[in-house]
Structures are given as C-alpha cells and as structure tokens.
Amino acid sequence: MTFRNNFVVVVKSKGKVLRDERGYVRLPFGSDYSIVLKNLEGRKAVANVTVDGKRVFGGNEVIVPANNTVEIKGFMGTNNKVRNRFRFIEKTAEISRYRGDRLDDGILRVEFRYERDYEPVLYVNDNPQPWATTWYTGGSAGTGGADWTYTSSNSTGNFSGRSSKSKSSSVNCFYSNSNDQGITVNGKPTRQEFDYGNVGSLESSKYVIVIRLKGRRKDGGRVVKPTTTRTKKRCPTCGHGNKSYHKFCYNCSTCLV
C-alpha cells in the first residue's frame, strides 16, 4: 500500500493486499487485481485513476467519501458499468509489435484532491438592524461548487464522479518505465455499476501516487506468488526470514527497505 496526504492506494489480488516495495508491486502475469482507494480525511476526495495511461473512468473521476474506502474492479465501459476485472499480463514481443510500447505501460497513477474545508464566515448585511447577520458555510452561496457525479455498487458501495463546472486545468504527465514487461487488459467478468452524485468546490492542490506493476523479480525471474503484506522478507545478507513490517533484519540488522 502507498500513503500520501491521508490518502491510501492499495493493489489487491485474490482478496489479499499486495506489498508496495518502494513504488513497485509484484504479482504473477495473468493475475486479476483491483485498486482500493482509502480516504482518511473528514471530507470527500476526488481522484483521477489511470492504468497504462488509460483513464479508468473515461472522462469521469472517482469520489472517495470521507473516512471511507472505494474498490475499483476494472475499466468502466458503457452505461457506467464495469464488466471485466483488471488483468495483468506479460507484454510479449508479439504484443509490442501489434500494440506498440508506451512510456506509461505497467504504471498505475492516482491523482487526487480534497473538497474545500470551509469555515463559517460572519457576513454583516446592510440591514439597519445591528443584530441582522447571515452565516455562510461550505457549499453555500459564493463557494463556486462544481457539479459532480457519484457511483454506487450493490456489493461494495463504490463511488465515482465527474465535474461539469470545474475550472482547474489538467497536465499530461508521462513516466519512464525501465522494465516494461507487463500491461493491464480486461480479465475475468465482474459486475459493478455506477450512478451520479455531487461534491463541493475542490482545493487547487493536487497530489499524485504512482505504483508500478511488475511481473518479474529483481533477479529477472518471473513472479510465481504475489508479494503480499504478509509475505516474509528474506534478508539478502544472511537469508534470515523477517516479518513483513520489519525494516531491518532481525538477525544481522541489514536494511530491508
């Protein structure tokens, strides 16, 4: 899992959370997976999720409710429905010749920002009575709130959204991948439906979390079993097995992160 600004991005496969190793997540080729977004703030967050440079929700973005979790199972298709899970496959020479190579292959990118946290503002009217005041709070007149959409799923209660009034600009970003061995395609059939909702005005600050999916180990061999958060860390110096949360080898103190 990857954490930034009270926002967490997790890759899951077969119901298990995969370990993030300095921005890399390793799972076997042919594995179906899902993306989990967790908002630890007390306000909504809106995220633009891309996989291999392709926007998961097309022109939309996903709303993650305050103190809540959203699991995304696959690319959204027609009628706001997801029909296939994400599947990570090896990018063979045949696929490269037919499809081509892209700089963002194997890259999961989540760009998110939060809803504005408005404090009550005291506004004195021109009314002759000195006690006549009006209180405005977040989402009230003058905040310039954008219209958004939310999504719901019968099984997971997921949310997604899009803006029809947002004035913020977007910037295309590209990432270099030194080992473009895997891409994401449509996998096993699934069912996930989306609807429309709303969110208030958003902060201008944007944050980005990037995870690279790998189907090979550091030594170049194929990953046979996904590296989960419960997988023991093997010390490269003494070979001692360590708990997944250990940063240093329990036996010889070699750094494991």
Protein backbone atom coordinates (compact mmCIF):
# COMPACT_ATOMS: atom_id res chain seq x y z
CA MET A 1 0.00 0.00 0.00
CA THR A 2 1.08 3.59 -0.63
CA PHE A 3 0.21 6.50 1.68
CA ARG A 4 0.25 10.23 0.99
CA ASN A 5 -1.62 13.21 2.47
CA ASN A 6 -4.06 10.98 4.37
CA PHE A 7 -4.89 9.05 1.19
CA VAL A 8 -4.04 5.38 0.64
CA VAL A 9 -3.78 3.40 -2.61
CA VAL A 10 -3.74 -0.39 -2.40
CA VAL A 11 -3.50 -3.12 -5.04
CA LYS A 12 -5.34 -6.33 -4.14
CA SER A 13 -5.21 -9.74 -5.79
CA LYS A 14 -7.36 -12.69 -4.73
CA GLY A 15 -8.58 -10.64 -1.79
CA LYS A 16 -5.07 -10.02 -0.42
CA VAL A 17 -3.31 -6.68 -0.12
CA LEU A 18 -0.06 -6.61 -2.09
CA ARG A 19 3.08 -5.10 -0.63
CA ASP A 20 4.45 -1.86 -2.05
CA GLU A 21 8.25 -2.13 -2.39
CA ARG A 22 9.43 1.43 -2.95
CA GLY A 23 6.71 2.09 -5.51
CA TYR A 24 6.74 -1.41 -7.05
CA VAL A 25 4.05 -4.08 -6.63
CA ARG A 26 4.89 -7.59 -7.84
CA LEU A 27 2.28 -10.13 -8.93
CA PRO A 28 2.27 -13.06 -11.37
CA PHE A 29 1.40 -12.46 -15.01
CA GLY A 30 -2.19 -13.46 -15.68
CA SER A 31 -3.40 -12.25 -12.26
CA ASP A 32 -6.65 -10.34 -11.85
CA TYR A 33 -6.43 -7.43 -9.42
CA SER A 34 -8.36 -4.46 -8.08
CA ILE A 35 -7.43 -0.96 -6.91
CA VAL A 36 -8.52 0.20 -3.46
CA LEU A 37 -8.62 3.90 -2.54
CA LYS A 38 -8.95 4.90 1.12
CA ASN A 39 -9.67 8.46 2.25
CA LEU A 40 -8.58 9.13 5.84
CA GLU A 41 -9.75 12.75 5.80
CA GLY A 42 -13.05 14.03 7.20
CA ARG A 43 -14.04 15.41 3.78
CA LYS A 44 -14.54 13.99 0.31
CA ALA A 45 -11.70 13.39 -2.12
CA VAL A 46 -11.89 13.21 -5.91
CA ALA A 47 -9.38 11.05 -7.80
CA ASN A 48 -8.42 10.55 -11.42
CA VAL A 49 -7.19 6.97 -11.84
CA THR A 50 -5.15 5.88 -14.86
CA VAL A 51 -3.68 2.48 -15.72
CA ASP A 52 -1.15 2.20 -18.57
CA GLY A 53 -2.04 5.82 -19.39
CA LYS A 54 -5.73 4.98 -19.85
CA ARG A 55 -8.30 6.73 -17.66
CA VAL A 56 -10.22 4.10 -15.72
CA PHE A 57 -13.46 6.13 -15.69
CA GLY A 58 -13.12 7.70 -19.13
CA GLY A 59 -13.93 11.40 -18.77
CA ASN A 60 -15.06 10.92 -15.17
CA GLU A 61 -13.29 10.85 -11.83
CA VAL A 62 -13.98 8.86 -8.69
CA ILE A 63 -15.31 10.33 -5.44
CA VAL A 64 -13.95 8.75 -2.26
CA PRO A 65 -16.23 9.69 0.65
CA ALA A 66 -14.78 10.99 3.91
CA ASN A 67 -13.29 8.25 6.09
CA ASN A 68 -14.31 5.65 3.55
CA THR A 69 -12.91 3.13 1.07
CA VAL A 70 -13.62 2.55 -2.63
CA GLU A 71 -12.59 -0.60 -4.52
CA ILE A 72 -12.29 -0.30 -8.31
CA LYS A 73 -12.53 -3.63 -10.11
CA GLY A 74 -11.86 -2.65 -13.73
CA PHE A 75 -12.23 -0.14 -16.55
CA MET A 76 -15.66 1.47 -16.76
CA GLY A 77 -17.46 0.70 -20.01
CA THR A 78 -20.80 1.70 -21.48
CA ASN A 79 -23.77 2.62 -19.30
CA ASN A 80 -21.42 3.38 -16.38
CA LYS A 81 -20.75 -0.31 -15.80
CA VAL A 82 -17.59 -2.35 -15.18
CA ARG A 83 -17.85 -5.74 -16.87
CA ASN A 84 -14.29 -7.10 -16.58
CA ARG A 85 -11.66 -7.12 -13.87
CA PHE A 86 -8.19 -5.68 -14.30
CA ARG A 87 -5.81 -8.40 -15.51
CA PHE A 88 -2.03 -8.01 -15.53
CA ILE A 89 -0.33 -9.86 -18.40
CA GLU A 90 3.17 -10.10 -19.82
CA LYS A 91 3.90 -7.75 -22.68
CA THR A 92 5.44 -10.15 -25.17
CA ALA A 93 7.29 -9.24 -28.35
CA GLU A 94 4.17 -10.14 -30.33
CA ILE A 95 2.05 -7.73 -28.26
CA SER A 96 4.68 -5.00 -28.60
CA ARG A 97 4.73 -5.35 -32.40
CA TYR A 98 0.94 -5.21 -32.68
CA ARG A 99 0.08 -2.74 -29.91
CA GLY A 100 3.31 -0.81 -29.58
CA ASP A 101 5.23 0.24 -26.46
CA ARG A 102 4.13 3.14 -24.26
CA LEU A 103 6.10 5.03 -21.65
CA ASP A 104 3.38 4.52 -19.03
CA ASP A 105 2.88 0.77 -19.53
CA GLY A 106 2.71 -1.02 -16.20
CA ILE A 107 2.05 2.21 -14.30
CA LEU A 108 -0.90 2.87 -12.00
CA ARG A 109 -1.34 6.59 -11.35
CA VAL A 110 -3.80 8.21 -8.93
CA GLU A 111 -4.15 12.00 -8.90
CA PHE A 112 -6.39 13.27 -6.11
CA ARG A 113 -7.52 16.43 -4.37
CA TYR A 114 -9.81 17.23 -1.49
CA GLU A 115 -13.04 19.12 -1.08
CA ARG A 116 -12.54 22.59 0.37
CA ASP A 117 -12.88 22.72 4.14
CA TYR A 118 -14.83 25.95 4.63
CA GLU A 119 -15.01 27.65 7.98
CA PRO A 120 -18.13 29.67 8.91
CA VAL A 121 -17.75 33.30 7.82
CA LEU A 122 -19.64 36.14 9.50
CA TYR A 123 -21.21 38.47 6.98
CA VAL A 124 -22.99 41.63 8.17
CA ASN A 125 -25.91 42.65 5.98
CA ASP A 126 -26.81 46.23 5.08
CA ASN A 127 -29.94 45.74 7.14
CA PRO A 128 -30.41 48.64 9.55
CA GLN A 129 -30.86 46.25 12.49
CA PRO A 130 -27.39 45.78 14.02
CA TRP A 131 -28.17 42.18 15.00
CA ALA A 132 -29.09 41.05 11.48
CA THR A 133 -26.33 38.73 10.28
CA THR A 134 -26.04 35.84 7.85
CA TRP A 135 -23.76 32.82 8.22
CA TYR A 136 -22.30 31.08 5.18
CA THR A 137 -20.69 27.67 5.36
CA GLY A 138 -19.05 25.33 2.89
CA GLY A 139 -21.21 24.65 -0.15
CA SER A 140 -23.28 27.80 0.33
CA ALA A 141 -23.58 30.86 -1.88
CA GLY A 142 -20.35 32.16 -3.28
CA THR A 143 -18.29 28.99 -2.93
CA GLY A 144 -18.46 28.13 -6.62
CA GLY A 145 -19.15 24.47 -6.01
CA ALA A 146 -18.87 22.20 -9.03
CA ASP A 147 -21.44 19.61 -10.07
CA TRP A 148 -20.09 16.12 -9.65
CA THR A 149 -21.35 12.61 -10.00
CA TYR A 150 -21.11 9.67 -7.67
CA THR A 151 -21.27 5.98 -8.28
CA SER A 152 -22.72 3.17 -6.27
CA SER A 153 -22.30 -0.58 -6.36
CA ASN A 154 -24.72 -3.05 -4.83
CA SER A 155 -21.86 -5.10 -3.45
CA THR A 156 -19.19 -2.58 -2.48
CA GLY A 157 -20.84 0.84 -2.21
CA ASN A 158 -18.30 2.40 -4.53
CA PHE A 159 -18.39 5.99 -5.73
CA SER A 160 -17.19 7.84 -8.83
CA GLY A 161 -17.73 11.29 -10.29
CA ARG A 162 -17.14 13.95 -12.88
CA SER A 163 -17.24 17.74 -12.95
CA SER A 164 -19.24 19.91 -15.30
CA LYS A 165 -18.02 23.26 -13.91
CA SER A 166 -14.51 22.67 -12.69
CA LYS A 167 -12.15 25.45 -13.82
CA SER A 168 -8.94 23.64 -12.96
CA SER A 169 -6.61 22.63 -15.78
CA SER A 170 -5.03 19.23 -16.25
CA VAL A 171 -1.48 18.42 -17.32
CA ASN A 172 -0.50 15.30 -19.23
CA CYS A 173 2.33 13.51 -17.42
CA PHE A 174 4.49 10.69 -18.73
CA TYR A 175 6.63 8.28 -16.77
CA SER A 176 9.59 6.25 -17.91
CA ASN A 177 9.46 2.56 -17.04
CA SER A 178 12.80 0.77 -17.11
CA ASN A 179 11.25 -2.70 -17.34
CA ASP A 180 8.06 -2.61 -19.41
CA GLN A 181 7.21 -6.26 -19.01
CA GLY A 182 3.51 -6.09 -18.17
CA ILE A 183 0.29 -4.34 -19.17
CA THR A 184 -3.30 -4.36 -17.92
CA VAL A 185 -6.13 -5.79 -20.03
CA ASN A 186 -9.70 -6.98 -19.44
CA GLY A 187 -9.84 -10.06 -17.26
CA LYS A 188 -12.48 -12.20 -15.62
CA PRO A 189 -16.08 -10.96 -15.95
CA THR A 190 -17.38 -8.97 -13.00
CA ARG A 191 -20.24 -6.64 -12.19
CA GLN A 192 -20.02 -3.11 -10.90
CA GLU A 193 -22.46 -0.26 -11.60
CA PHE A 194 -22.12 3.50 -11.23
CA ASP A 195 -24.51 6.43 -10.73
CA TYR A 196 -24.15 10.21 -10.42
CA GLY A 197 -23.60 12.30 -7.30
CA ASN A 198 -22.08 15.62 -6.22
CA VAL A 199 -19.24 17.20 -4.32
CA GLY A 200 -18.46 20.76 -3.29
CA SER A 201 -15.73 23.06 -4.54
CA LEU A 202 -12.30 21.42 -4.64
CA GLU A 203 -8.94 22.61 -3.43
CA SER A 204 -6.45 23.67 -6.08
CA SER A 205 -3.70 21.46 -4.62
CA LYS A 206 -3.34 18.08 -6.32
CA TYR A 207 -1.41 15.05 -5.08
CA VAL A 208 -0.16 12.07 -7.07
CA ILE A 209 0.54 8.47 -6.09
CA VAL A 210 2.32 6.24 -8.63
CA ILE A 211 2.64 2.45 -8.39
CA ARG A 212 4.48 0.30 -10.93
CA LEU A 213 3.20 -3.22 -11.52
CA LYS A 214 5.89 -5.85 -12.07
CA GLY A 215 5.63 -9.49 -13.08
CA ARG A 216 9.31 -10.20 -12.59
CA ARG A 217 11.59 -10.32 -9.57
CA LYS A 218 14.66 -8.16 -9.11
CA ASP A 219 16.80 -11.00 -10.50
CA GLY A 220 14.71 -11.11 -13.67
CA GLY A 221 12.79 -14.28 -12.88
CA ARG A 222 9.02 -14.45 -13.18
CA VAL A 223 6.94 -13.79 -10.07
CA VAL A 224 5.23 -17.05 -9.09
CA LYS A 225 3.39 -15.90 -5.99
CA PRO A 226 2.23 -12.30 -5.36
CA THR A 227 4.17 -10.42 -2.72
CA THR A 228 1.55 -9.62 -0.09
CA THR A 229 1.84 -7.59 3.10
CA ARG A 230 2.07 -10.90 4.99
CA THR A 231 4.92 -12.30 2.88
CA LYS A 232 8.09 -12.67 4.97
CA LYS A 233 11.07 -10.58 3.94
CA ARG A 234 14.17 -12.66 3.20
CA CYS A 235 17.39 -10.93 4.24
CA PRO A 236 19.78 -10.63 1.26
CA THR A 237 22.79 -10.85 3.61
CA CYS A 238 22.11 -13.78 5.93
CA GLY A 239 18.96 -15.31 4.45
CA HIS A 240 17.01 -14.90 7.68
CA GLY A 241 13.22 -14.59 7.37
CA ASN A 242 11.71 -11.40 8.80
CA LYS A 243 8.22 -10.14 9.46
CA SER A 244 6.68 -8.09 6.65
CA TYR A 245 6.78 -4.90 8.73
CA HIS A 246 10.46 -5.22 9.71
CA LYS A 247 12.68 -2.51 8.23
CA PHE A 248 15.90 -4.17 9.38
CA CYS A 249 16.90 -7.81 9.56
CA TYR A 250 16.18 -9.23 12.99
CA ASN A 251 19.30 -11.40 12.75
CA CYS A 252 22.05 -9.21 11.24
CA SER A 253 20.44 -5.71 11.10
CA THR A 254 20.71 -5.32 7.28
CA CYS A 255 18.30 -2.71 5.97
CA LEU A 256 15.32 -4.41 4.26
CA VAL A 257 13.55 -1.39 2.72
